[in-house]
Amino acid sequence: MMEAAVALMLGSSAIGVGSLFIYLLLSHLGFVRPGLKSPTLKLMKLNNSGPDYVREGTKITFLSPKTILLAAEGGRAVIDTGYFVGIPDGYCGVVVIRTDEYRIATDLRPATDIGTGRTFLPPGFEGVVEVEIWNKSFDEPAGMDAGLPMADLHLIPVPTTLRVVDKI
C-alpha cells in the first residue's frame, strides 16, 4: 500500500514538473504572459477606401492611406490612418512611425532625414490615430507611396502598483 502511494506521489510530481516545464517554455516563447489577460483592442475602420492594417503578433501596422509628399524645406504632414482605436484599461498604446519606406522624390533613394515622433495613447483612450512626420532635409523632397507600412501600434501593459527600492 505504501509503495502504491509513493508511486502515485512520484507520478503526480512528474506530471506537475512536466506541466511547469511546458508552461515556462510557452511563456518564454511569448504564448503565455503570467498575470496578464489578453487585451481586447477596439479597432474600427472609418472609411472603406483606405488600406487595411497588418497584424504582426502583438503589433498592428497601419498602411499609408495615400501618397505622402514632404517638401524639401522642412515639410511636415499629419496623416490620418483612417482608424478609430480604443485602448483597453490596463494597457497603453505607443504609435511608432516607420521611416524605412520613405524615398527621395527625385531618384527614389532611401530618405534618411525623416523626422518622426512617438504618440502615447493612455489607458482608456478612444479616438482617431494620426501620425506626424516631417522632412529634416532642406535639400530634397521625400515621400511614400500609398499602401506601404506607415506606423506601428504597440500595446504595453501598465503596472497597477510600483515598488520603490533603496538600491538597485
C-alpha atoms as a PDB file:
ATOM      1  CA  MET A   1       0.000   0.000   0.000  1.00  0.00           C
ATOM      2  CA  MET A   2       2.832   2.369   0.898  1.00  0.00           C
ATOM      3  CA  GLU A   3       4.585   1.582  -2.406  1.00  0.00           C
ATOM      4  CA  ALA A   4       1.426   2.496  -4.353  1.00  0.00           C
ATOM      5  CA  ALA A   5       1.142   5.825  -2.501  1.00  0.00           C
ATOM      6  CA  VAL A   6       4.799   6.649  -3.205  1.00  0.00           C
ATOM      7  CA  ALA A   7       4.384   5.699  -6.881  1.00  0.00           C
ATOM      8  CA  LEU A   8       1.282   7.906  -7.112  1.00  0.00           C
ATOM      9  CA  MET A   9       3.111  10.829  -5.492  1.00  0.00           C
ATOM     10  CA  LEU A  10       6.122  10.425  -7.795  1.00  0.00           C
ATOM     11  CA  GLY A  11       3.894  10.122 -10.847  1.00  0.00           C
ATOM     12  CA  SER A  12       1.868  13.203  -9.961  1.00  0.00           C
ATOM     13  CA  SER A  13       5.015  15.209  -9.202  1.00  0.00           C
ATOM     14  CA  ALA A  14       6.465  14.176 -12.578  1.00  0.00           C
ATOM     15  CA  ILE A  15       3.271  15.396 -14.237  1.00  0.00           C
ATOM     16  CA  GLY A  16       3.500  18.624 -12.232  1.00  0.00           C
ATOM     17  CA  VAL A  17       7.149  19.152 -13.204  1.00  0.00           C
ATOM     18  CA  GLY A  18       6.312  18.403 -16.850  1.00  0.00           C
ATOM     19  CA  SER A  19       3.398  20.838 -16.792  1.00  0.00           C
ATOM     20  CA  LEU A  20       5.593  23.507 -15.216  1.00  0.00           C
ATOM     21  CA  PHE A  21       8.262  22.944 -17.877  1.00  0.00           C
ATOM     22  CA  ILE A  22       5.689  23.303 -20.690  1.00  0.00           C
ATOM     23  CA  TYR A  23       4.233  26.453 -19.075  1.00  0.00           C
ATOM     24  CA  LEU A  24       7.697  28.045 -18.717  1.00  0.00           C
ATOM     25  CA  LEU A  25       8.581  27.154 -22.306  1.00  0.00           C
ATOM     26  CA  LEU A  26       5.346  28.645 -23.646  1.00  0.00           C
ATOM     27  CA  SER A  27       5.766  31.812 -21.551  1.00  0.00           C
ATOM     28  CA  HIS A  28       9.362  32.157 -22.775  1.00  0.00           C
ATOM     29  CA  LEU A  29       8.154  31.919 -26.377  1.00  0.00           C
ATOM     30  CA  GLY A  30       5.535  34.602 -25.712  1.00  0.00           C
ATOM     31  CA  PHE A  31       2.416  32.436 -25.830  1.00  0.00           C
ATOM     32  CA  VAL A  32       1.661  32.823 -22.115  1.00  0.00           C
ATOM     33  CA  ARG A  33       2.151  36.023 -20.118  1.00  0.00           C
ATOM     34  CA  PRO A  34       1.785  35.370 -16.389  1.00  0.00           C
ATOM     35  CA  GLY A  35      -0.751  37.599 -14.661  1.00  0.00           C
ATOM     36  CA  LEU A  36      -1.967  39.302 -17.848  1.00  0.00           C
ATOM     37  CA  LYS A  37      -5.212  38.767 -19.651  1.00  0.00           C
ATOM     38  CA  SER A  38      -5.301  39.110 -23.413  1.00  0.00           C
ATOM     39  CA  PRO A  39      -6.276  42.697 -24.134  1.00  0.00           C
ATOM     40  CA  THR A  40      -9.211  43.495 -26.379  1.00  0.00           C
ATOM     41  CA  LEU A  41      -8.271  46.319 -28.716  1.00  0.00           C
ATOM     42  CA  LYS A  42     -11.164  48.152 -30.313  1.00  0.00           C
ATOM     43  CA  LEU A  43     -10.239  48.981 -33.903  1.00  0.00           C
ATOM     44  CA  MET A  44     -12.735  50.431 -36.351  1.00  0.00           C
ATOM     45  CA  LYS A  45     -12.095  51.472 -39.937  1.00  0.00           C
ATOM     46  CA  LEU A  46     -13.610  54.891 -40.569  1.00  0.00           C
ATOM     47  CA  ASN A  47     -13.999  54.634 -44.335  1.00  0.00           C
ATOM     48  CA  ASN A  48     -13.939  51.864 -46.894  1.00  0.00           C
ATOM     49  CA  SER A  49     -11.482  53.489 -49.283  1.00  0.00           C
ATOM     50  CA  GLY A  50      -8.318  53.286 -47.185  1.00  0.00           C
ATOM     51  CA  PRO A  51      -5.964  50.304 -46.999  1.00  0.00           C
ATOM     52  CA  ASP A  52      -6.236  47.660 -44.339  1.00  0.00           C
ATOM     53  CA  TYR A  53      -3.912  47.205 -41.401  1.00  0.00           C
ATOM     54  CA  VAL A  54      -1.467  44.343 -40.913  1.00  0.00           C
ATOM     55  CA  ARG A  55      -1.350  42.443 -37.635  1.00  0.00           C
ATOM     56  CA  GLU A  56       2.029  41.000 -36.717  1.00  0.00           C
ATOM     57  CA  GLY A  57       1.999  39.285 -33.328  1.00  0.00           C
ATOM     58  CA  THR A  58       1.341  41.967 -30.712  1.00  0.00           C
ATOM     59  CA  LYS A  59       1.596  44.970 -33.010  1.00  0.00           C
ATOM     60  CA  ILE A  60      -0.656  46.466 -35.648  1.00  0.00           C
ATOM     61  CA  THR A  61       0.904  48.147 -38.671  1.00  0.00           C
ATOM     62  CA  PHE A  62      -1.093  50.903 -40.330  1.00  0.00           C
ATOM     63  CA  LEU A  63      -0.584  51.245 -44.081  1.00  0.00           C
ATOM     64  CA  SER A  64      -0.357  54.669 -45.691  1.00  0.00           C
ATOM     65  CA  PRO A  65      -3.851  55.650 -46.889  1.00  0.00           C
ATOM     66  CA  LYS A  66      -2.448  57.986 -49.562  1.00  0.00           C
ATOM     67  CA  THR A  67       0.741  59.049 -51.285  1.00  0.00           C
ATOM     68  CA  ILE A  68       2.698  61.309 -48.952  1.00  0.00           C
ATOM     69  CA  LEU A  69       4.976  64.058 -50.273  1.00  0.00           C
ATOM     70  CA  LEU A  70       7.055  66.176 -47.902  1.00  0.00           C
ATOM     71  CA  ALA A  71       8.515  69.450 -49.166  1.00  0.00           C
ATOM     72  CA  ALA A  72      12.289  69.900 -49.155  1.00  0.00           C
ATOM     73  CA  GLU A  73      12.403  72.733 -46.650  1.00  0.00           C
ATOM     74  CA  GLY A  74      11.215  71.017 -43.515  1.00  0.00           C
ATOM     75  CA  GLY A  75       7.925  69.801 -44.988  1.00  0.00           C
ATOM     76  CA  ARG A  76       5.540  68.433 -42.368  1.00  0.00           C
ATOM     77  CA  ALA A  77       2.387  66.318 -42.569  1.00  0.00           C
ATOM     78  CA  VAL A  78      -0.160  64.921 -40.139  1.00  0.00           C
ATOM     79  CA  ILE A  79      -1.650  61.775 -41.640  1.00  0.00           C
ATOM     80  CA  ASP A  80      -4.945  60.263 -40.504  1.00  0.00           C
ATOM     81  CA  THR A  81      -4.589  56.458 -40.512  1.00  0.00           C
ATOM     82  CA  GLY A  82      -8.303  56.029 -41.153  1.00  0.00           C
ATOM     83  CA  TYR A  83      -8.807  54.042 -37.939  1.00  0.00           C
ATOM     84  CA  PHE A  84     -10.585  54.760 -34.666  1.00  0.00           C
ATOM     85  CA  VAL A  85      -8.948  52.900 -31.786  1.00  0.00           C
ATOM     86  CA  GLY A  86      -9.964  52.092 -28.212  1.00  0.00           C
ATOM     87  CA  ILE A  87      -7.088  51.227 -25.866  1.00  0.00           C
ATOM     88  CA  PRO A  88      -8.140  48.718 -23.163  1.00  0.00           C
ATOM     89  CA  ASP A  89      -7.772  49.516 -19.474  1.00  0.00           C
ATOM     90  CA  GLY A  90      -4.503  48.234 -18.058  1.00  0.00           C
ATOM     91  CA  TYR A  91      -2.640  48.947 -21.315  1.00  0.00           C
ATOM     92  CA  CYS A  92      -1.271  51.995 -23.073  1.00  0.00           C
ATOM     93  CA  GLY A  93      -0.654  52.345 -26.776  1.00  0.00           C
ATOM     94  CA  VAL A  94       2.501  53.631 -28.422  1.00  0.00           C
ATOM     95  CA  VAL A  95       2.420  54.594 -32.102  1.00  0.00           C
ATOM     96  CA  VAL A  96       5.889  54.354 -33.663  1.00  0.00           C
ATOM     97  CA  ILE A  97       6.417  55.898 -37.096  1.00  0.00           C
ATOM     98  CA  ARG A  98       8.121  53.708 -39.703  1.00  0.00           C
ATOM     99  CA  THR A  99      10.668  55.504 -41.876  1.00  0.00           C
ATOM    100  CA  ASP A 100      12.116  52.626 -43.899  1.00  0.00           C
ATOM    101  CA  GLU A 101       9.737  53.135 -46.857  1.00  0.00           C
ATOM    102  CA  TYR A 102      10.352  56.879 -47.382  1.00  0.00           C
ATOM    103  CA  ARG A 103      12.236  57.743 -50.557  1.00  0.00           C
ATOM    104  CA  ILE A 104      13.787  60.869 -52.074  1.00  0.00           C
ATOM    105  CA  ALA A 105      11.182  62.071 -54.565  1.00  0.00           C
ATOM    106  CA  THR A 106      13.605  62.747 -57.429  1.00  0.00           C
ATOM    107  CA  ASP A 107      15.535  59.468 -57.652  1.00  0.00           C
ATOM    108  CA  LEU A 108      13.908  57.011 -55.194  1.00  0.00           C
ATOM    109  CA  ARG A 109      16.936  56.714 -52.889  1.00  0.00           C
ATOM    110  CA  PRO A 110      16.065  55.960 -49.254  1.00  0.00           C
ATOM    111  CA  ALA A 111      15.290  59.159 -47.353  1.00  0.00           C
ATOM    112  CA  THR A 112      17.478  59.362 -44.269  1.00  0.00           C
ATOM    113  CA  ASP A 113      16.302  62.679 -42.827  1.00  0.00           C
ATOM    114  CA  ILE A 114      12.699  61.869 -41.926  1.00  0.00           C
ATOM    115  CA  GLY A 115      11.686  63.203 -38.532  1.00  0.00           C
ATOM    116  CA  THR A 116       9.387  61.026 -36.508  1.00  0.00           C
ATOM    117  CA  GLY A 117       7.547  61.151 -33.258  1.00  0.00           C
ATOM    118  CA  ARG A 118       6.074  58.641 -30.932  1.00  0.00           C
ATOM    119  CA  THR A 119       2.478  59.049 -29.901  1.00  0.00           C
ATOM    120  CA  PHE A 120       1.439  57.879 -26.447  1.00  0.00           C
ATOM    121  CA  LEU A 121      -2.172  56.682 -26.091  1.00  0.00           C
ATOM    122  CA  PRO A 122      -3.165  56.386 -22.410  1.00  0.00           C
ATOM    123  CA  PRO A 123      -5.303  53.573 -20.966  1.00  0.00           C
ATOM    124  CA  GLY A 124      -8.936  54.039 -21.947  1.00  0.00           C
ATOM    125  CA  PHE A 125      -8.074  56.300 -24.932  1.00  0.00           C
ATOM    126  CA  GLU A 126     -10.661  56.297 -27.696  1.00  0.00           C
ATOM    127  CA  GLY A 127     -10.055  58.311 -30.832  1.00  0.00           C
ATOM    128  CA  VAL A 128      -8.598  58.544 -34.303  1.00  0.00           C
ATOM    129  CA  VAL A 129      -4.959  57.551 -34.732  1.00  0.00           C
ATOM    130  CA  GLU A 130      -2.886  60.203 -36.512  1.00  0.00           C
ATOM    131  CA  VAL A 131       0.837  60.219 -37.239  1.00  0.00           C
ATOM    132  CA  GLU A 132       3.091  63.231 -37.676  1.00  0.00           C
ATOM    133  CA  ILE A 133       6.131  63.197 -39.940  1.00  0.00           C
ATOM    134  CA  TRP A 134       8.472  65.841 -41.255  1.00  0.00           C
ATOM    135  CA  ASN A 135      11.342  66.128 -43.696  1.00  0.00           C
ATOM    136  CA  LYS A 136      14.518  67.253 -41.918  1.00  0.00           C
ATOM    137  CA  SER A 137      16.381  67.622 -45.210  1.00  0.00           C
ATOM    138  CA  PHE A 138      16.495  71.126 -46.626  1.00  0.00           C
ATOM    139  CA  ASP A 139      17.832  69.855 -49.962  1.00  0.00           C
ATOM    140  CA  GLU A 140      15.440  67.224 -51.321  1.00  0.00           C
ATOM    141  CA  PRO A 141      11.718  66.438 -51.092  1.00  0.00           C
ATOM    142  CA  ALA A 142      10.780  62.980 -49.812  1.00  0.00           C
ATOM    143  CA  GLY A 143       7.701  60.826 -49.885  1.00  0.00           C
ATOM    144  CA  MET A 144       5.985  57.457 -49.616  1.00  0.00           C
ATOM    145  CA  ASP A 145       3.547  55.631 -51.872  1.00  0.00           C
ATOM    146  CA  ALA A 146       0.080  54.624 -50.692  1.00  0.00           C
ATOM    147  CA  GLY A 147      -0.296  51.156 -49.183  1.00  0.00           C
ATOM    148  CA  LEU A 148       3.180  50.956 -47.614  1.00  0.00           C
ATOM    149  CA  PRO A 149       3.781  50.478 -43.856  1.00  0.00           C
ATOM    150  CA  MET A 150       3.478  53.884 -42.185  1.00  0.00           C
ATOM    151  CA  ALA A 151       3.259  53.340 -38.404  1.00  0.00           C
ATOM    152  CA  ASP A 152       3.069  50.577 -35.801  1.00  0.00           C
ATOM    153  CA  LEU A 153       0.730  50.484 -32.808  1.00  0.00           C
ATOM    154  CA  HIS A 154       2.113  48.590 -29.810  1.00  0.00           C
ATOM    155  CA  LEU A 155       0.082  47.718 -26.693  1.00  0.00           C
ATOM    156  CA  ILE A 156       2.103  47.857 -23.479  1.00  0.00           C
ATOM    157  CA  PRO A 157       0.823  46.633 -20.098  1.00  0.00           C
ATOM    158  CA  VAL A 158       0.694  49.317 -17.418  1.00  0.00           C
ATOM    159  CA  PRO A 159       1.537  48.174 -13.885  1.00  0.00           C
ATOM    160  CA  THR A 160      -1.115  48.924 -11.293  1.00  0.00           C
ATOM    161  CA  THR A 161       1.394  49.290  -8.470  1.00  0.00           C
ATOM    162  CA  LEU A 162       5.001  50.369  -8.245  1.00  0.00           C
ATOM    163  CA  ARG A 163       7.559  49.312  -5.706  1.00  0.00           C
ATOM    164  CA  VAL A 164      10.331  51.753  -4.791  1.00  0.00           C
ATOM    165  CA  VAL A 165      13.636  50.299  -3.583  1.00  0.00           C
ATOM    166  CA  ASP A 166      16.574  51.952  -1.858  1.00  0.00           C
ATOM    167  CA  LYS A 167      19.245  50.441  -4.086  1.00  0.00           C
ATOM    168  CA  ILE A 168      19.445  48.612  -7.366  1.00  0.00           C
END
